[in-house]
Amino acid sequence: MAMPTAVTTREAVEQRLRAGGGDTAGLLLQGALLLSLLVALGVLVVLIGDILIRAIPVMTERPADFLTSPLSSRPARAGIIQGIVGSVLLMAFVAALSLPIGIGAAVYLEEYARDSSLARLIRTNIRNLAGVPSIVYGLLGLALFVSAIGLGRSLIAGGLTLAVLVLPIVVITTSEALRAVPGSIREAAFGVGATRWETIRGHVLPYAAPGILTGTILSLGRAFGETAPLLMVGAIAGTFSGGGLGDMLTGSYTALPTIVFNWSGQPQDEFRSLTAAAIVVLLVVILLVNASAILLRNRYDRKW
């Protein structure tokens, strides 16, 4: 009588794959997930399609004029150049503040801080802050930067508010990128006599650069599209204060999301097309930011 042969794990898996079917619950779950994806994509396509259709008259009749003209109460003459300038200044302000502080904080937490209760508490609070609604940061900016410090409703107050908003995101993305660096790289650097800072500067940060760049650029993209915090700290759909750069930083200011919010509430039908065109410009800028993040990541991946 022949003895039954033992079935290896590999053979059992191959038999199960060849048999197929039988997993009704798994098929139902897969179908539900696919349906959810199709519904979400369908809603997105409908919204973007509606915006593009509304924006076609402006984009075809006065594309360059719309991008270079100042704000106006007349729809035929209104443009978004002041909103673009204001958004660029805000992003420069945010990048100059949030990126060095956020990356430095992440490097300290991951490379220098001990695994203590205090460090774990700080990491937990940072993750909680990343999920706070943006309007709460607007209220914080209004209470702290506008009123308590006395900066007023200025571009500096708006930039500080947006910097605080994206700071937890920068810390989290940088921490994840640093945590993904293999420990063997640090051990090899220590083994040849490198100090901790030399190891971080010459090995850890270059290896983690793709993840850090991706996270920081995407956080700037989020700040570029924020509206609620700017409305709370005084951004208006008007012109900049007259004068040089100093007056622009300390006086009244505007931004592209604020212009979209203001135009969407205007009673004239002509502003509907202008609002859609401004949204298209905003989407294009955010897509360019995302594309630059992908290109930089691929470049550093090929290099390292």
C-alpha atoms as a PDB file:
ATOM      1  CA  MET A   1       0.000   0.000   0.000  1.00  0.00           C
ATOM      2  CA  ALA A   2       1.547   3.278  -1.087  1.00  0.00           C
ATOM      3  CA  MET A   3       2.131   5.871   1.580  1.00  0.00           C
ATOM      4  CA  PRO A   4       0.640   9.389   0.905  1.00  0.00           C
ATOM      5  CA  THR A   5       3.305  11.875  -0.037  1.00  0.00           C
ATOM      6  CA  ALA A   6       3.718  14.990   2.084  1.00  0.00           C
ATOM      7  CA  VAL A   7       2.580  18.200   0.433  1.00  0.00           C
ATOM      8  CA  THR A   8       4.967  21.111   0.800  1.00  0.00           C
ATOM      9  CA  THR A   9       3.791  24.605   1.573  1.00  0.00           C
ATOM     10  CA  ARG A  10       4.645  25.772  -1.922  1.00  0.00           C
ATOM     11  CA  GLU A  11       2.655  22.955  -3.528  1.00  0.00           C
ATOM     12  CA  ALA A  12      -0.327  23.685  -1.278  1.00  0.00           C
ATOM     13  CA  VAL A  13      -0.297  27.336  -2.289  1.00  0.00           C
ATOM     14  CA  GLU A  14      -0.034  26.423  -5.975  1.00  0.00           C
ATOM     15  CA  GLN A  15      -2.965  24.021  -5.669  1.00  0.00           C
ATOM     16  CA  ARG A  16      -5.034  26.696  -3.932  1.00  0.00           C
ATOM     17  CA  LEU A  17      -4.248  29.239  -6.661  1.00  0.00           C
ATOM     18  CA  ARG A  18      -5.092  26.781  -9.452  1.00  0.00           C
ATOM     19  CA  ALA A  19      -8.367  25.870  -7.785  1.00  0.00           C
ATOM     20  CA  GLY A  20      -9.464  29.521  -7.511  1.00  0.00           C
ATOM     21  CA  GLY A  21     -12.992  30.629  -6.589  1.00  0.00           C
ATOM     22  CA  GLY A  22     -14.690  29.697  -3.372  1.00  0.00           C
ATOM     23  CA  ASP A  23     -13.907  32.947  -1.554  1.00  0.00           C
ATOM     24  CA  THR A  24     -17.300  34.603  -1.868  1.00  0.00           C
ATOM     25  CA  ALA A  25     -16.686  37.075   0.940  1.00  0.00           C
ATOM     26  CA  GLY A  26     -13.389  38.131  -0.613  1.00  0.00           C
ATOM     27  CA  LEU A  27     -14.988  38.660  -4.017  1.00  0.00           C
ATOM     28  CA  LEU A  28     -17.775  40.746  -2.479  1.00  0.00           C
ATOM     29  CA  LEU A  29     -15.258  42.875  -0.616  1.00  0.00           C
ATOM     30  CA  GLN A  30     -13.197  43.343  -3.775  1.00  0.00           C
ATOM     31  CA  GLY A  31     -16.301  44.394  -5.694  1.00  0.00           C
ATOM     32  CA  ALA A  32     -17.318  46.862  -2.966  1.00  0.00           C
ATOM     33  CA  LEU A  33     -13.862  48.415  -2.942  1.00  0.00           C
ATOM     34  CA  LEU A  34     -13.852  48.702  -6.734  1.00  0.00           C
ATOM     35  CA  LEU A  35     -17.298  50.311  -6.646  1.00  0.00           C
ATOM     36  CA  SER A  36     -16.123  52.830  -4.049  1.00  0.00           C
ATOM     37  CA  LEU A  37     -13.141  53.703  -6.213  1.00  0.00           C
ATOM     38  CA  LEU A  38     -15.315  54.166  -9.313  1.00  0.00           C
ATOM     39  CA  VAL A  39     -17.807  56.349  -7.427  1.00  0.00           C
ATOM     40  CA  ALA A  40     -15.043  58.574  -6.041  1.00  0.00           C
ATOM     41  CA  LEU A  41     -13.403  58.902  -9.455  1.00  0.00           C
ATOM     42  CA  GLY A  42     -16.769  59.582 -11.067  1.00  0.00           C
ATOM     43  CA  VAL A  43     -17.549  62.427  -8.681  1.00  0.00           C
ATOM     44  CA  LEU A  44     -14.073  63.878  -9.241  1.00  0.00           C
ATOM     45  CA  VAL A  45     -14.421  63.661 -13.022  1.00  0.00           C
ATOM     46  CA  VAL A  46     -17.829  65.338 -12.933  1.00  0.00           C
ATOM     47  CA  LEU A  47     -16.581  68.199 -10.758  1.00  0.00           C
ATOM     48  CA  ILE A  48     -13.450  68.798 -12.827  1.00  0.00           C
ATOM     49  CA  GLY A  49     -15.436  68.540 -16.056  1.00  0.00           C
ATOM     50  CA  ASP A  50     -17.975  71.102 -14.848  1.00  0.00           C
ATOM     51  CA  ILE A  51     -15.185  73.493 -13.834  1.00  0.00           C
ATOM     52  CA  LEU A  52     -13.405  73.096 -17.169  1.00  0.00           C
ATOM     53  CA  ILE A  53     -16.600  73.738 -19.125  1.00  0.00           C
ATOM     54  CA  ARG A  54     -17.269  76.917 -17.131  1.00  0.00           C
ATOM     55  CA  ALA A  55     -13.663  78.062 -17.522  1.00  0.00           C
ATOM     56  CA  ILE A  56     -13.482  77.594 -21.311  1.00  0.00           C
ATOM     57  CA  PRO A  57     -14.879  81.062 -22.198  1.00  0.00           C
ATOM     58  CA  VAL A  58     -12.263  82.838 -20.068  1.00  0.00           C
ATOM     59  CA  MET A  59      -9.383  80.590 -21.093  1.00  0.00           C
ATOM     60  CA  THR A  60     -10.126  80.934 -24.790  1.00  0.00           C
ATOM     61  CA  GLU A  61     -11.012  84.629 -24.970  1.00  0.00           C
ATOM     62  CA  ARG A  62      -8.427  86.186 -22.641  1.00  0.00           C
ATOM     63  CA  PRO A  63      -5.933  83.623 -21.302  1.00  0.00           C
ATOM     64  CA  ALA A  64      -2.920  85.919 -20.970  1.00  0.00           C
ATOM     65  CA  ASP A  65      -4.962  88.934 -19.959  1.00  0.00           C
ATOM     66  CA  PHE A  66      -6.691  86.927 -17.216  1.00  0.00           C
ATOM     67  CA  LEU A  67      -3.353  85.868 -15.731  1.00  0.00           C
ATOM     68  CA  THR A  68      -1.740  89.308 -15.860  1.00  0.00           C
ATOM     69  CA  SER A  69      -4.632  91.676 -15.090  1.00  0.00           C
ATOM     70  CA  PRO A  70      -5.282  93.034 -11.581  1.00  0.00           C
ATOM     71  CA  LEU A  71      -8.491  92.529  -9.651  1.00  0.00           C
ATOM     72  CA  SER A  72     -11.480  94.543 -10.732  1.00  0.00           C
ATOM     73  CA  SER A  73     -15.180  94.845  -9.967  1.00  0.00           C
ATOM     74  CA  ARG A  74     -15.825  94.516 -13.704  1.00  0.00           C
ATOM     75  CA  PRO A  75     -15.740  90.869 -14.787  1.00  0.00           C
ATOM     76  CA  ALA A  76     -14.465  91.729 -18.263  1.00  0.00           C
ATOM     77  CA  ARG A  77     -11.327  93.330 -16.793  1.00  0.00           C
ATOM     78  CA  ALA A  78     -10.723  91.180 -13.697  1.00  0.00           C
ATOM     79  CA  GLY A  79      -7.560  89.087 -13.411  1.00  0.00           C
ATOM     80  CA  ILE A  80      -5.622  87.112 -10.826  1.00  0.00           C
ATOM     81  CA  ILE A  81      -2.063  88.480 -10.983  1.00  0.00           C
ATOM     82  CA  GLN A  82      -2.320  89.894  -7.458  1.00  0.00           C
ATOM     83  CA  GLY A  83      -3.540  86.565  -6.129  1.00  0.00           C
ATOM     84  CA  ILE A  84      -0.635  84.763  -7.789  1.00  0.00           C
ATOM     85  CA  VAL A  85       1.890  87.225  -6.342  1.00  0.00           C
ATOM     86  CA  GLY A  86       0.322  86.948  -2.891  1.00  0.00           C
ATOM     87  CA  SER A  87       0.322  83.142  -2.971  1.00  0.00           C
ATOM     88  CA  VAL A  88       3.964  83.038  -4.112  1.00  0.00           C
ATOM     89  CA  LEU A  89       5.007  85.377  -1.295  1.00  0.00           C
ATOM     90  CA  LEU A  90       3.082  83.287   1.214  1.00  0.00           C
ATOM     91  CA  MET A  91       4.704  80.065  -0.006  1.00  0.00           C
ATOM     92  CA  ALA A  92       8.170  81.629   0.176  1.00  0.00           C
ATOM     93  CA  PHE A  93       7.418  82.718   3.732  1.00  0.00           C
ATOM     94  CA  VAL A  94       6.091  79.276   4.661  1.00  0.00           C
ATOM     95  CA  ALA A  95       9.055  77.457   3.108  1.00  0.00           C
ATOM     96  CA  ALA A  96      11.590  79.700   4.860  1.00  0.00           C
ATOM     97  CA  LEU A  97      10.015  78.964   8.254  1.00  0.00           C
ATOM     98  CA  SER A  98       8.440  75.521   8.245  1.00  0.00           C
ATOM     99  CA  LEU A  99      11.026  73.521   6.276  1.00  0.00           C
ATOM    100  CA  PRO A 100      14.155  74.238   8.380  1.00  0.00           C
ATOM    101  CA  ILE A 101      12.272  73.982  11.666  1.00  0.00           C
ATOM    102  CA  GLY A 102      10.318  70.868  10.669  1.00  0.00           C
ATOM    103  CA  ILE A 103      13.291  68.991   9.213  1.00  0.00           C
ATOM    104  CA  GLY A 104      15.475  69.972  12.177  1.00  0.00           C
ATOM    105  CA  ALA A 105      12.846  68.795  14.663  1.00  0.00           C
ATOM    106  CA  ALA A 106      12.471  65.480  12.854  1.00  0.00           C
ATOM    107  CA  VAL A 107      16.234  64.916  12.758  1.00  0.00           C
ATOM    108  CA  TYR A 108      16.469  65.554  16.498  1.00  0.00           C
ATOM    109  CA  LEU A 109      13.542  63.273  17.347  1.00  0.00           C
ATOM    110  CA  GLU A 110      14.774  60.401  15.177  1.00  0.00           C
ATOM    111  CA  GLU A 111      18.562  60.658  15.496  1.00  0.00           C
ATOM    112  CA  TYR A 112      19.335  62.325  18.819  1.00  0.00           C
ATOM    113  CA  ALA A 113      16.377  62.031  21.204  1.00  0.00           C
ATOM    114  CA  ARG A 114      16.178  58.962  23.407  1.00  0.00           C
ATOM    115  CA  ASP A 115      13.137  56.711  23.370  1.00  0.00           C
ATOM    116  CA  SER A 116      11.667  58.293  26.487  1.00  0.00           C
ATOM    117  CA  SER A 117       8.129  59.035  27.599  1.00  0.00           C
ATOM    118  CA  LEU A 118       8.614  62.700  26.738  1.00  0.00           C
ATOM    119  CA  ALA A 119       9.773  61.912  23.199  1.00  0.00           C
ATOM    120  CA  ARG A 120       6.831  59.559  22.637  1.00  0.00           C
ATOM    121  CA  LEU A 121       4.457  62.227  23.967  1.00  0.00           C
ATOM    122  CA  ILE A 122       5.908  64.817  21.573  1.00  0.00           C
ATOM    123  CA  ARG A 123       5.567  62.454  18.610  1.00  0.00           C
ATOM    124  CA  THR A 124       1.955  61.677  19.527  1.00  0.00           C
ATOM    125  CA  ASN A 125       1.081  65.361  19.828  1.00  0.00           C
ATOM    126  CA  ILE A 126       2.702  66.129  16.471  1.00  0.00           C
ATOM    127  CA  ARG A 127       0.618  63.434  14.793  1.00  0.00           C
ATOM    128  CA  ASN A 128      -2.521  64.773  16.449  1.00  0.00           C
ATOM    129  CA  LEU A 129      -1.727  68.306  15.282  1.00  0.00           C
ATOM    130  CA  ALA A 130      -1.446  67.079  11.696  1.00  0.00           C
ATOM    131  CA  GLY A 131      -5.128  66.097  11.823  1.00  0.00           C
ATOM    132  CA  VAL A 132      -6.440  69.370  13.267  1.00  0.00           C
ATOM    133  CA  PRO A 133      -8.807  71.216  10.856  1.00  0.00           C
ATOM    134  CA  SER A 134      -7.261  74.205   9.123  1.00  0.00           C
ATOM    135  CA  ILE A 135      -9.888  76.589  10.520  1.00  0.00           C
ATOM    136  CA  VAL A 136      -8.501  75.909  14.012  1.00  0.00           C
ATOM    137  CA  TYR A 137      -5.090  77.108  12.843  1.00  0.00           C
ATOM    138  CA  GLY A 138      -6.824  80.175  11.463  1.00  0.00           C
ATOM    139  CA  LEU A 139      -8.287  80.904  14.904  1.00  0.00           C
ATOM    140  CA  LEU A 140      -4.845  80.339  16.434  1.00  0.00           C
ATOM    141  CA  GLY A 141      -3.267  82.773  13.984  1.00  0.00           C
ATOM    142  CA  LEU A 142      -5.981  85.347  14.684  1.00  0.00           C
ATOM    143  CA  ALA A 143      -5.509  85.100  18.441  1.00  0.00           C
ATOM    144  CA  LEU A 144      -1.709  84.796  18.507  1.00  0.00           C
ATOM    145  CA  PHE A 145      -0.170  86.528  15.511  1.00  0.00           C
ATOM    146  CA  VAL A 146      -2.830  89.129  14.717  1.00  0.00           C
ATOM    147  CA  SER A 147      -3.942  90.113  18.240  1.00  0.00           C
ATOM    148  CA  ALA A 148      -1.412  88.983  20.856  1.00  0.00           C
ATOM    149  CA  ILE A 149       1.819  89.729  18.971  1.00  0.00           C
ATOM    150  CA  GLY A 150       0.261  92.677  17.148  1.00  0.00           C
ATOM    151  CA  LEU A 151       1.203  91.842  13.562  1.00  0.00           C
ATOM    152  CA  GLY A 152      -2.264  92.816  12.400  1.00  0.00           C
ATOM    153  CA  ARG A 153      -3.990  91.385   9.341  1.00  0.00           C
ATOM    154  CA  SER A 154      -0.800  91.254   7.310  1.00  0.00           C
ATOM    155  CA  LEU A 155       0.914  88.830   4.985  1.00  0.00           C
ATOM    156  CA  ILE A 156       3.418  88.024   7.731  1.00  0.00           C
ATOM    157  CA  ALA A 157       0.573  86.862   9.995  1.00  0.00           C
ATOM    158  CA  GLY A 158      -0.844  84.781   7.153  1.00  0.00           C
ATOM    159  CA  GLY A 159       2.538  83.230   6.407  1.00  0.00           C
ATOM    160  CA  LEU A 160       3.141  82.371  10.065  1.00  0.00           C
ATOM    161  CA  THR A 161      -0.289  80.764  10.306  1.00  0.00           C
ATOM    162  CA  LEU A 162       0.292  78.605   7.227  1.00  0.00           C
ATOM    163  CA  ALA A 163       3.775  77.709   8.478  1.00  0.00           C
ATOM    164  CA  VAL A 164       2.317  76.440  11.753  1.00  0.00           C
ATOM    165  CA  LEU A 165      -0.323  74.517   9.775  1.00  0.00           C
ATOM    166  CA  VAL A 166       2.165  72.559   7.645  1.00  0.00           C
ATOM    167  CA  LEU A 167       4.847  72.178  10.321  1.00  0.00           C
ATOM    168  CA  PRO A 168       3.457  68.900  11.785  1.00  0.00           C
ATOM    169  CA  ILE A 169       3.185  67.438   8.277  1.00  0.00           C
ATOM    170  CA  VAL A 170       6.809  68.315   7.530  1.00  0.00           C
ATOM    171  CA  VAL A 171       7.946  66.734  10.801  1.00  0.00           C
ATOM    172  CA  ILE A 172       5.964  63.532  10.186  1.00  0.00           C
ATOM    173  CA  THR A 173       7.068  63.036   6.570  1.00  0.00           C
ATOM    174  CA  THR A 174      10.697  63.747   7.432  1.00  0.00           C
ATOM    175  CA  SER A 175      10.560  61.370  10.394  1.00  0.00           C
ATOM    176  CA  GLU A 176       9.144  58.603   8.214  1.00  0.00           C
ATOM    177  CA  ALA A 177      11.863  59.158   5.623  1.00  0.00           C
ATOM    178  CA  LEU A 178      14.595  59.039   8.273  1.00  0.00           C
ATOM    179  CA  ARG A 179      13.050  55.940   9.850  1.00  0.00           C
ATOM    180  CA  ALA A 180      13.166  54.188   6.476  1.00  0.00           C
ATOM    181  CA  VAL A 181      16.976  54.518   6.275  1.00  0.00           C
ATOM    182  CA  PRO A 182      18.524  51.092   7.008  1.00  0.00           C
ATOM    183  CA  GLY A 183      20.375  50.878  10.306  1.00  0.00           C
ATOM    184  CA  SER A 184      23.316  49.225   8.558  1.00  0.00           C
ATOM    185  CA  ILE A 185      24.171  52.573   6.915  1.00  0.00           C
ATOM    186  CA  ARG A 186      24.547  54.222  10.328  1.00  0.00           C
ATOM    187  CA  GLU A 187      26.492  51.268  11.694  1.00  0.00           C
ATOM    188  CA  ALA A 188      28.901  51.299   8.743  1.00  0.00           C
ATOM    189  CA  ALA A 189      29.555  55.026   9.205  1.00  0.00           C
ATOM    190  CA  PHE A 190      30.133  54.619  12.944  1.00  0.00           C
ATOM    191  CA  GLY A 191      32.392  51.651  12.212  1.00  0.00           C
ATOM    192  CA  VAL A 192      34.844  53.799  10.231  1.00  0.00           C
ATOM    193  CA  GLY A 193      34.973  56.465  12.942  1.00  0.00           C
ATOM    194  CA  ALA A 194      32.383  58.998  11.761  1.00  0.00           C
ATOM    195  CA  THR A 195      30.666  61.136  14.358  1.00  0.00           C
ATOM    196  CA  ARG A 196      26.903  61.169  14.712  1.00  0.00           C
ATOM    197  CA  TRP A 197      26.558  64.467  12.832  1.00  0.00           C
ATOM    198  CA  GLU A 198      28.897  63.288  10.057  1.00  0.00           C
ATOM    199  CA  THR A 199      26.818  60.135   9.729  1.00  0.00           C
ATOM    200  CA  ILE A 200      23.576  62.099   9.538  1.00  0.00           C
ATOM    201  CA  ARG A 201      24.916  64.726   7.140  1.00  0.00           C
ATOM    202  CA  GLY A 202      26.844  62.453   4.805  1.00  0.00           C
ATOM    203  CA  HIS A 203      24.769  59.257   4.798  1.00  0.00           C
ATOM    204  CA  VAL A 204      21.356  59.434   6.474  1.00  0.00           C
ATOM    205  CA  LEU A 205      20.065  62.713   5.007  1.00  0.00           C
ATOM    206  CA  PRO A 206      21.162  61.968   1.400  1.00  0.00           C
ATOM    207  CA  TYR A 207      19.518  58.532   1.592  1.00  0.00           C
ATOM    208  CA  ALA A 208      16.307  60.027   3.024  1.00  0.00           C
ATOM    209  CA  ALA A 209      16.301  63.052   0.697  1.00  0.00           C
ATOM    210  CA  PRO A 210      13.673  61.677  -1.762  1.00  0.00           C
ATOM    211  CA  GLY A 211      11.134  61.103   0.985  1.00  0.00           C
ATOM    212  CA  ILE A 212      11.905  64.414   2.670  1.00  0.00           C
ATOM    213  CA  LEU A 213      11.599  66.375  -0.569  1.00  0.00           C
ATOM    214  CA  THR A 214       8.345  64.670  -1.487  1.00  0.00           C
ATOM    215  CA  GLY A 215       6.761  65.345   1.897  1.00  0.00           C
ATOM    216  CA  THR A 216       7.873  68.946   2.144  1.00  0.00           C
ATOM    217  CA  ILE A 217       6.837  69.865  -1.402  1.00  0.00           C
ATOM    218  CA  LEU A 218       3.415  68.272  -0.964  1.00  0.00           C
ATOM    219  CA  SER A 219       2.944  70.144   2.311  1.00  0.00           C
ATOM    220  CA  LEU A 220       3.641  73.400   0.464  1.00  0.00           C
ATOM    221  CA  GLY A 221       1.063  72.361  -2.113  1.00  0.00           C
ATOM    222  CA  ARG A 222      -1.493  71.960   0.651  1.00  0.00           C
ATOM    223  CA  ALA A 223      -0.646  75.372   2.073  1.00  0.00           C
ATOM    224  CA  PHE A 224      -1.021  76.901  -1.388  1.00  0.00           C
ATOM    225  CA  GLY A 225      -4.651  75.793  -1.575  1.00  0.00           C
ATOM    226  CA  GLU A 226      -5.729  76.695   1.964  1.00  0.00           C
ATOM    227  CA  THR A 227      -8.461  79.317   2.274  1.00  0.00           C
ATOM    228  CA  ALA A 228      -9.964  79.220   5.767  1.00  0.00           C
ATOM    229  CA  PRO A 229      -6.811  80.217   7.710  1.00  0.00           C
ATOM    230  CA  LEU A 230      -6.157  83.133   5.354  1.00  0.00           C
ATOM    231  CA  LEU A 231      -9.701  84.417   5.747  1.00  0.00           C
ATOM    232  CA  MET A 232      -9.318  84.312   9.515  1.00  0.00           C
ATOM    233  CA  VAL A 233      -6.056  86.264   9.534  1.00  0.00           C
ATOM    234  CA  GLY A 234      -7.132  88.980   7.162  1.00  0.00           C
ATOM    235  CA  ALA A 235      -6.555  87.997   3.548  1.00  0.00           C
ATOM    236  CA  ILE A 236      -8.939  89.995   1.345  1.00  0.00           C
ATOM    237  CA  ALA A 237      -9.918  89.910  -2.288  1.00  0.00           C
ATOM    238  CA  GLY A 238      -8.314  93.270  -2.922  1.00  0.00           C
ATOM    239  CA  THR A 239      -5.048  94.862  -3.855  1.00  0.00           C
ATOM    240  CA  PHE A 240      -1.774  94.937  -1.969  1.00  0.00           C
ATOM    241  CA  SER A 241      -0.776  97.960   0.042  1.00  0.00           C
ATOM    242  CA  GLY A 242       1.149 100.476  -2.015  1.00  0.00           C
ATOM    243  CA  GLY A 243       4.919 100.720  -1.734  1.00  0.00           C
ATOM    244  CA  GLY A 244       7.756  98.243  -1.717  1.00  0.00           C
ATOM    245  CA  LEU A 245       8.151  94.723  -0.412  1.00  0.00           C
ATOM    246  CA  GLY A 246       8.041  95.861   3.213  1.00  0.00           C
ATOM    247  CA  ASP A 247       4.631  97.452   2.738  1.00  0.00           C
ATOM    248  CA  MET A 248       3.385  94.330   0.963  1.00  0.00           C
ATOM    249  CA  LEU A 249       4.453  92.160   3.906  1.00  0.00           C
ATOM    250  CA  THR A 250       2.949  94.352   6.605  1.00  0.00           C
ATOM    251  CA  GLY A 251      -0.151  95.711   4.844  1.00  0.00           C
ATOM    252  CA  SER A 252      -3.281  94.272   3.271  1.00  0.00           C
ATOM    253  CA  TYR A 253      -2.783  91.297   0.980  1.00  0.00           C
ATOM    254  CA  THR A 254      -4.635  88.723  -1.048  1.00  0.00           C
ATOM    255  CA  ALA A 255      -4.092  85.179  -2.338  1.00  0.00           C
ATOM    256  CA  LEU A 256      -5.472  82.986  -5.095  1.00  0.00           C
ATOM    257  CA  PRO A 257      -7.751  80.843  -2.843  1.00  0.00           C
ATOM    258  CA  THR A 258      -9.177  84.014  -1.305  1.00  0.00           C
ATOM    259  CA  ILE A 259     -10.021  85.376  -4.757  1.00  0.00           C
ATOM    260  CA  VAL A 260     -11.805  82.112  -5.626  1.00  0.00           C
ATOM    261  CA  PHE A 261     -13.824  82.336  -2.414  1.00  0.00           C
ATOM    262  CA  ASN A 262     -14.774  85.957  -3.046  1.00  0.00           C
ATOM    263  CA  TRP A 263     -15.700  85.528  -6.715  1.00  0.00           C
ATOM    264  CA  SER A 264     -17.873  82.487  -5.968  1.00  0.00           C
ATOM    265  CA  GLY A 265     -20.141  84.703  -3.881  1.00  0.00           C
ATOM    266  CA  GLN A 266     -20.570  87.485  -6.444  1.00  0.00           C
ATOM    267  CA  PRO A 267     -24.085  87.862  -7.922  1.00  0.00           C
ATOM    268  CA  GLN A 268     -22.980  88.419 -11.545  1.00  0.00           C
ATOM    269  CA  ASP A 269     -23.024  85.352 -13.775  1.00  0.00           C
ATOM    270  CA  GLU A 270     -19.757  86.470 -15.407  1.00  0.00           C
ATOM    271  CA  PHE A 271     -17.919  85.802 -12.147  1.00  0.00           C
ATOM    272  CA  ARG A 272     -18.904  82.122 -12.353  1.00  0.00           C
ATOM    273  CA  SER A 273     -16.613  81.686 -15.347  1.00  0.00           C
ATOM    274  CA  LEU A 274     -13.879  83.708 -13.652  1.00  0.00           C
ATOM    275  CA  THR A 275     -14.172  81.538 -10.539  1.00  0.00           C
ATOM    276  CA  ALA A 276     -13.872  78.365 -12.615  1.00  0.00           C
ATOM    277  CA  ALA A 277     -10.853  79.747 -14.474  1.00  0.00           C
ATOM    278  CA  ALA A 278      -9.159  80.682 -11.189  1.00  0.00           C
ATOM    279  CA  ILE A 279      -9.834  77.178  -9.854  1.00  0.00           C
ATOM    280  CA  VAL A 280      -8.234  75.716 -12.985  1.00  0.00           C
ATOM    281  CA  VAL A 281      -5.129  77.846 -12.404  1.00  0.00           C
ATOM    282  CA  LEU A 282      -5.043  76.710  -8.776  1.00  0.00           C
ATOM    283  CA  LEU A 283      -5.340  73.058  -9.801  1.00  0.00           C
ATOM    284  CA  VAL A 284      -2.603  73.441 -12.404  1.00  0.00           C
ATOM    285  CA  VAL A 285      -0.240  74.926  -9.820  1.00  0.00           C
ATOM    286  CA  ILE A 286      -0.956  72.116  -7.349  1.00  0.00           C
ATOM    287  CA  LEU A 287      -0.445  69.498 -10.076  1.00  0.00           C
ATOM    288  CA  LEU A 288       2.873  71.137 -11.004  1.00  0.00           C
ATOM    289  CA  VAL A 289       3.923  70.997  -7.354  1.00  0.00           C
ATOM    290  CA  ASN A 290       3.053  67.298  -7.210  1.00  0.00           C
ATOM    291  CA  ALA A 291       4.872  66.650 -10.484  1.00  0.00           C
ATOM    292  CA  SER A 292       7.984  68.414  -9.202  1.00  0.00           C
ATOM    293  CA  ALA A 293       7.880  66.241  -6.082  1.00  0.00           C
ATOM    294  CA  ILE A 294       7.746  63.107  -8.227  1.00  0.00           C
ATOM    295  CA  LEU A 295      10.590  64.290 -10.489  1.00  0.00           C
ATOM    296  CA  LEU A 296      12.818  65.196  -7.563  1.00  0.00           C
ATOM    297  CA  ARG A 297      12.129  61.874  -5.901  1.00  0.00           C
ATOM    298  CA  ASN A 298      12.964  59.922  -9.047  1.00  0.00           C
ATOM    299  CA  ARG A 299      16.136  61.964  -9.537  1.00  0.00           C
ATOM    300  CA  TYR A 300      17.409  61.238  -6.046  1.00  0.00           C
ATOM    301  CA  ASP A 301      16.355  57.584  -6.290  1.00  0.00           C
ATOM    302  CA  ARG A 302      18.499  57.182  -9.409  1.00  0.00           C
ATOM    303  CA  LYS A 303      21.381  58.993  -7.756  1.00  0.00           C
ATOM    304  CA  TRP A 304      21.434  57.058  -4.529  1.00  0.00           C
END
